[in-house]
Amino acid sequence: MKIVLYGTKNCKSCDILLSNLKEAILKLDNKENIELIKVESIIEISKKSIDKIPALEIDGNIISKGFVYSVDDLVKIISNYEENLDISEYDNQFVCDEKGCRLNDK
């Protein structure tokens, strides 16, 4: 499995999501089969038509833009993604947009 985090340098929410991803991957049984990459190039981010960062891609599919998932949600998302289950049920803890990052008030 290939997980790509799209985000720029000095992006606090990107750093938090990266940290959460690393911690989540360590909790998984198949961690040795997961490749985690961070893409910071604005050009590469633009090529993917990403308009909000951080953006998260799993195996070539963008699954979120502008959200910071908790470690527990990431464990569930990655596990369920491998099993081809629906990942839309997981609430995002944070939302990031032009107003900054804040708790998601869904």
C-alpha atoms as a PDB file:
ATOM      1  CA  MET A   1       0.000   0.000   0.000  1.00  0.00           C
ATOM      2  CA  LYS A   2       1.253   3.454  -0.891  1.00  0.00           C
ATOM      3  CA  ILE A   3       0.124   6.413   1.218  1.00  0.00           C
ATOM      4  CA  VAL A   4       0.960   9.916   0.041  1.00  0.00           C
ATOM      5  CA  LEU A   5       0.546  13.040   2.145  1.00  0.00           C
ATOM      6  CA  TYR A   6       0.443  16.240   0.119  1.00  0.00           C
ATOM      7  CA  GLY A   7       1.393  19.331   2.095  1.00  0.00           C
ATOM      8  CA  THR A   8       3.823  22.200   2.106  1.00  0.00           C
ATOM      9  CA  LYS A   9       6.663  23.005   4.483  1.00  0.00           C
ATOM     10  CA  ASN A  10       5.630  25.021   7.536  1.00  0.00           C
ATOM     11  CA  CYS A  11       2.060  23.685   7.317  1.00  0.00           C
ATOM     12  CA  LYS A  12       1.098  22.870  10.892  1.00  0.00           C
ATOM     13  CA  SER A  13      -1.877  20.687   9.965  1.00  0.00           C
ATOM     14  CA  CYS A  14       0.302  18.791   7.455  1.00  0.00           C
ATOM     15  CA  ASP A  15       2.876  18.103  10.170  1.00  0.00           C
ATOM     16  CA  ILE A  16       0.171  16.898  12.557  1.00  0.00           C
ATOM     17  CA  LEU A  17      -1.308  14.565   9.942  1.00  0.00           C
ATOM     18  CA  LEU A  18       2.145  13.209   9.078  1.00  0.00           C
ATOM     19  CA  SER A  19       2.837  12.512  12.744  1.00  0.00           C
ATOM     20  CA  ASN A  20      -0.568  10.843  13.143  1.00  0.00           C
ATOM     21  CA  LEU A  21       0.044   8.734  10.028  1.00  0.00           C
ATOM     22  CA  LYS A  22       3.405   7.524  11.307  1.00  0.00           C
ATOM     23  CA  GLU A  23       1.886   6.585  14.653  1.00  0.00           C
ATOM     24  CA  ALA A  24      -1.090   4.859  13.008  1.00  0.00           C
ATOM     25  CA  ILE A  25       1.132   2.822  10.684  1.00  0.00           C
ATOM     26  CA  LEU A  26       3.162   1.582  13.666  1.00  0.00           C
ATOM     27  CA  LYS A  27      -0.063   0.193  15.162  1.00  0.00           C
ATOM     28  CA  LEU A  28      -0.898  -1.867  12.070  1.00  0.00           C
ATOM     29  CA  ASP A  29       0.005  -5.521  11.639  1.00  0.00           C
ATOM     30  CA  ASN A  30       1.081  -5.023   8.022  1.00  0.00           C
ATOM     31  CA  LYS A  31       3.232  -1.929   8.574  1.00  0.00           C
ATOM     32  CA  GLU A  32       6.083  -3.410   6.553  1.00  0.00           C
ATOM     33  CA  ASN A  33       3.822  -3.363   3.454  1.00  0.00           C
ATOM     34  CA  ILE A  34       3.026   0.347   3.746  1.00  0.00           C
ATOM     35  CA  GLU A  35       5.050   3.032   2.004  1.00  0.00           C
ATOM     36  CA  LEU A  36       4.520   6.576   3.340  1.00  0.00           C
ATOM     37  CA  ILE A  37       5.602   9.534   1.225  1.00  0.00           C
ATOM     38  CA  LYS A  38       5.237  13.272   1.834  1.00  0.00           C
ATOM     39  CA  VAL A  39       5.038  15.453  -1.266  1.00  0.00           C
ATOM     40  CA  GLU A  40       5.813  19.122  -0.607  1.00  0.00           C
ATOM     41  CA  SER A  41       6.162  20.355  -4.184  1.00  0.00           C
ATOM     42  CA  ILE A  42       3.509  22.918  -5.115  1.00  0.00           C
ATOM     43  CA  ILE A  43       3.863  21.758  -8.718  1.00  0.00           C
ATOM     44  CA  GLU A  44       3.112  18.123  -7.808  1.00  0.00           C
ATOM     45  CA  ILE A  45       0.233  19.206  -5.554  1.00  0.00           C
ATOM     46  CA  SER A  46      -1.202  21.285  -8.429  1.00  0.00           C
ATOM     47  CA  LYS A  47      -0.881  18.381 -10.863  1.00  0.00           C
ATOM     48  CA  LYS A  48      -3.229  16.401  -8.609  1.00  0.00           C
ATOM     49  CA  SER A  49      -5.747  19.314  -8.590  1.00  0.00           C
ATOM     50  CA  ILE A  50      -5.462  19.533  -4.809  1.00  0.00           C
ATOM     51  CA  ASP A  51      -6.978  22.780  -3.581  1.00  0.00           C
ATOM     52  CA  LYS A  52      -6.716  22.187   0.184  1.00  0.00           C
ATOM     53  CA  ILE A  53      -3.876  20.727   2.193  1.00  0.00           C
ATOM     54  CA  PRO A  54      -3.119  18.437   3.801  1.00  0.00           C
ATOM     55  CA  ALA A  55      -4.404  15.956   1.258  1.00  0.00           C
ATOM     56  CA  LEU A  56      -4.222  12.223   1.745  1.00  0.00           C
ATOM     57  CA  GLU A  57      -3.913   9.670  -1.039  1.00  0.00           C
ATOM     58  CA  ILE A  58      -4.051   5.899  -0.695  1.00  0.00           C
ATOM     59  CA  ASP A  59      -3.014   3.741  -3.646  1.00  0.00           C
ATOM     60  CA  GLY A  60      -3.590   6.562  -6.111  1.00  0.00           C
ATOM     61  CA  ASN A  61      -6.961   7.686  -4.750  1.00  0.00           C
ATOM     62  CA  ILE A  62      -7.301  11.048  -2.996  1.00  0.00           C
ATOM     63  CA  ILE A  63      -9.398  10.297   0.086  1.00  0.00           C
ATOM     64  CA  SER A  64      -9.322  13.687   1.812  1.00  0.00           C
ATOM     65  CA  LYS A  65      -8.370  17.317   1.363  1.00  0.00           C
ATOM     66  CA  GLY A  66      -7.997  19.800   4.192  1.00  0.00           C
ATOM     67  CA  PHE A  67      -8.595  17.332   7.036  1.00  0.00           C
ATOM     68  CA  VAL A  68      -6.449  16.097   9.900  1.00  0.00           C
ATOM     69  CA  TYR A  69      -7.480  12.625  11.029  1.00  0.00           C
ATOM     70  CA  SER A  70      -6.784  11.263  14.497  1.00  0.00           C
ATOM     71  CA  VAL A  71      -4.435   8.304  14.907  1.00  0.00           C
ATOM     72  CA  ASP A  72      -7.360   6.000  15.703  1.00  0.00           C
ATOM     73  CA  ASP A  73      -9.314   7.114  12.638  1.00  0.00           C
ATOM     74  CA  LEU A  74      -6.245   6.606  10.447  1.00  0.00           C
ATOM     75  CA  VAL A  75      -5.790   3.062  11.758  1.00  0.00           C
ATOM     76  CA  LYS A  76      -9.425   2.325  10.870  1.00  0.00           C
ATOM     77  CA  ILE A  77      -9.231   4.062   7.486  1.00  0.00           C
ATOM     78  CA  ILE A  78      -6.064   2.251   6.423  1.00  0.00           C
ATOM     79  CA  SER A  79      -7.314  -1.114   7.681  1.00  0.00           C
ATOM     80  CA  ASN A  80     -10.706  -0.686   6.041  1.00  0.00           C
ATOM     81  CA  TYR A  81      -9.170   0.595   2.822  1.00  0.00           C
ATOM     82  CA  GLU A  82      -7.202  -2.628   2.518  1.00  0.00           C
ATOM     83  CA  GLU A  83     -10.418  -4.580   2.972  1.00  0.00           C
ATOM     84  CA  ASN A  84     -12.272  -2.353   0.450  1.00  0.00           C
ATOM     85  CA  LEU A  85     -14.720  -1.154   3.094  1.00  0.00           C
ATOM     86  CA  ASP A  86     -16.480   2.202   3.170  1.00  0.00           C
ATOM     87  CA  ILE A  87     -14.293   4.836   4.860  1.00  0.00           C
ATOM     88  CA  SER A  88     -16.788   7.697   4.662  1.00  0.00           C
ATOM     89  CA  GLU A  89     -18.145   7.024   8.161  1.00  0.00           C
ATOM     90  CA  TYR A  90     -15.083   8.363   9.957  1.00  0.00           C
ATOM     91  CA  ASP A  91     -15.467  11.887  11.219  1.00  0.00           C
ATOM     92  CA  ASN A  92     -12.599  14.272  10.792  1.00  0.00           C
ATOM     93  CA  GLN A  93     -11.392  15.887  13.973  1.00  0.00           C
ATOM     94  CA  PHE A  94     -10.100  19.018  12.285  1.00  0.00           C
ATOM     95  CA  VAL A  95     -11.007  20.993   9.220  1.00  0.00           C
ATOM     96  CA  CYS A  96      -8.551  23.320   7.536  1.00  0.00           C
ATOM     97  CA  ASP A  97      -9.544  26.003   5.044  1.00  0.00           C
ATOM     98  CA  GLU A  98      -8.925  29.658   4.293  1.00  0.00           C
ATOM     99  CA  LYS A  99      -9.962  30.478   7.884  1.00  0.00           C
ATOM    100  CA  GLY A 100      -7.267  28.200   9.334  1.00  0.00           C
ATOM    101  CA  CYS A 101      -7.545  24.874  11.182  1.00  0.00           C
ATOM    102  CA  ARG A 102     -10.126  24.182  13.843  1.00  0.00           C
ATOM    103  CA  LEU A 103     -12.161  21.370  15.352  1.00  0.00           C
ATOM    104  CA  ASN A 104     -14.690  20.028  12.906  1.00  0.00           C
ATOM    105  CA  ASP A 105     -18.169  20.954  14.106  1.00  0.00           C
ATOM    106  CA  LYS A 106     -20.127  18.249  12.240  1.00  0.00           C
END
